[in-house]
Amino acid sequence: MLGASLALVGLTAASAQTTTFQRYRCGDGTQFIVGFYPYDNRAHMQIDGREVTLSKRLALTGSRYSGSDVTLQIGKTGGATVKHSKRPATACELYSPT
């Protein structure tokens, strides 16, 4: 039993190491965090004080995700566009808060 528990802890730690979180700041003042997990092709986003899970959609370039009145497009260079809450789409860039 103890061995199984230790294996589960190791698996959880390994999964956490490959999870990617990105912070964005947009031209209209919106800020959001989006997380990508290695075992899930969806994007998990926190925007406007709520959590939203976005399904991956077909995109010609970069990546596109949508769901719950939110659409996120991420370009190959890291820039993004987000459309949410009946607001127009706005350009966003990666940032690291200090």
Foldseek 3Di string as FASTA:
>chain_A
DVVVVVVVVVVVVVQVVPKDKFWKAWPVGWIKIWIDTPVDQWIWIQTPNDIDIWHWDDDPAATWTDDDQKIWGAHPVGKIWIGHDPDDITTMHTDDDD
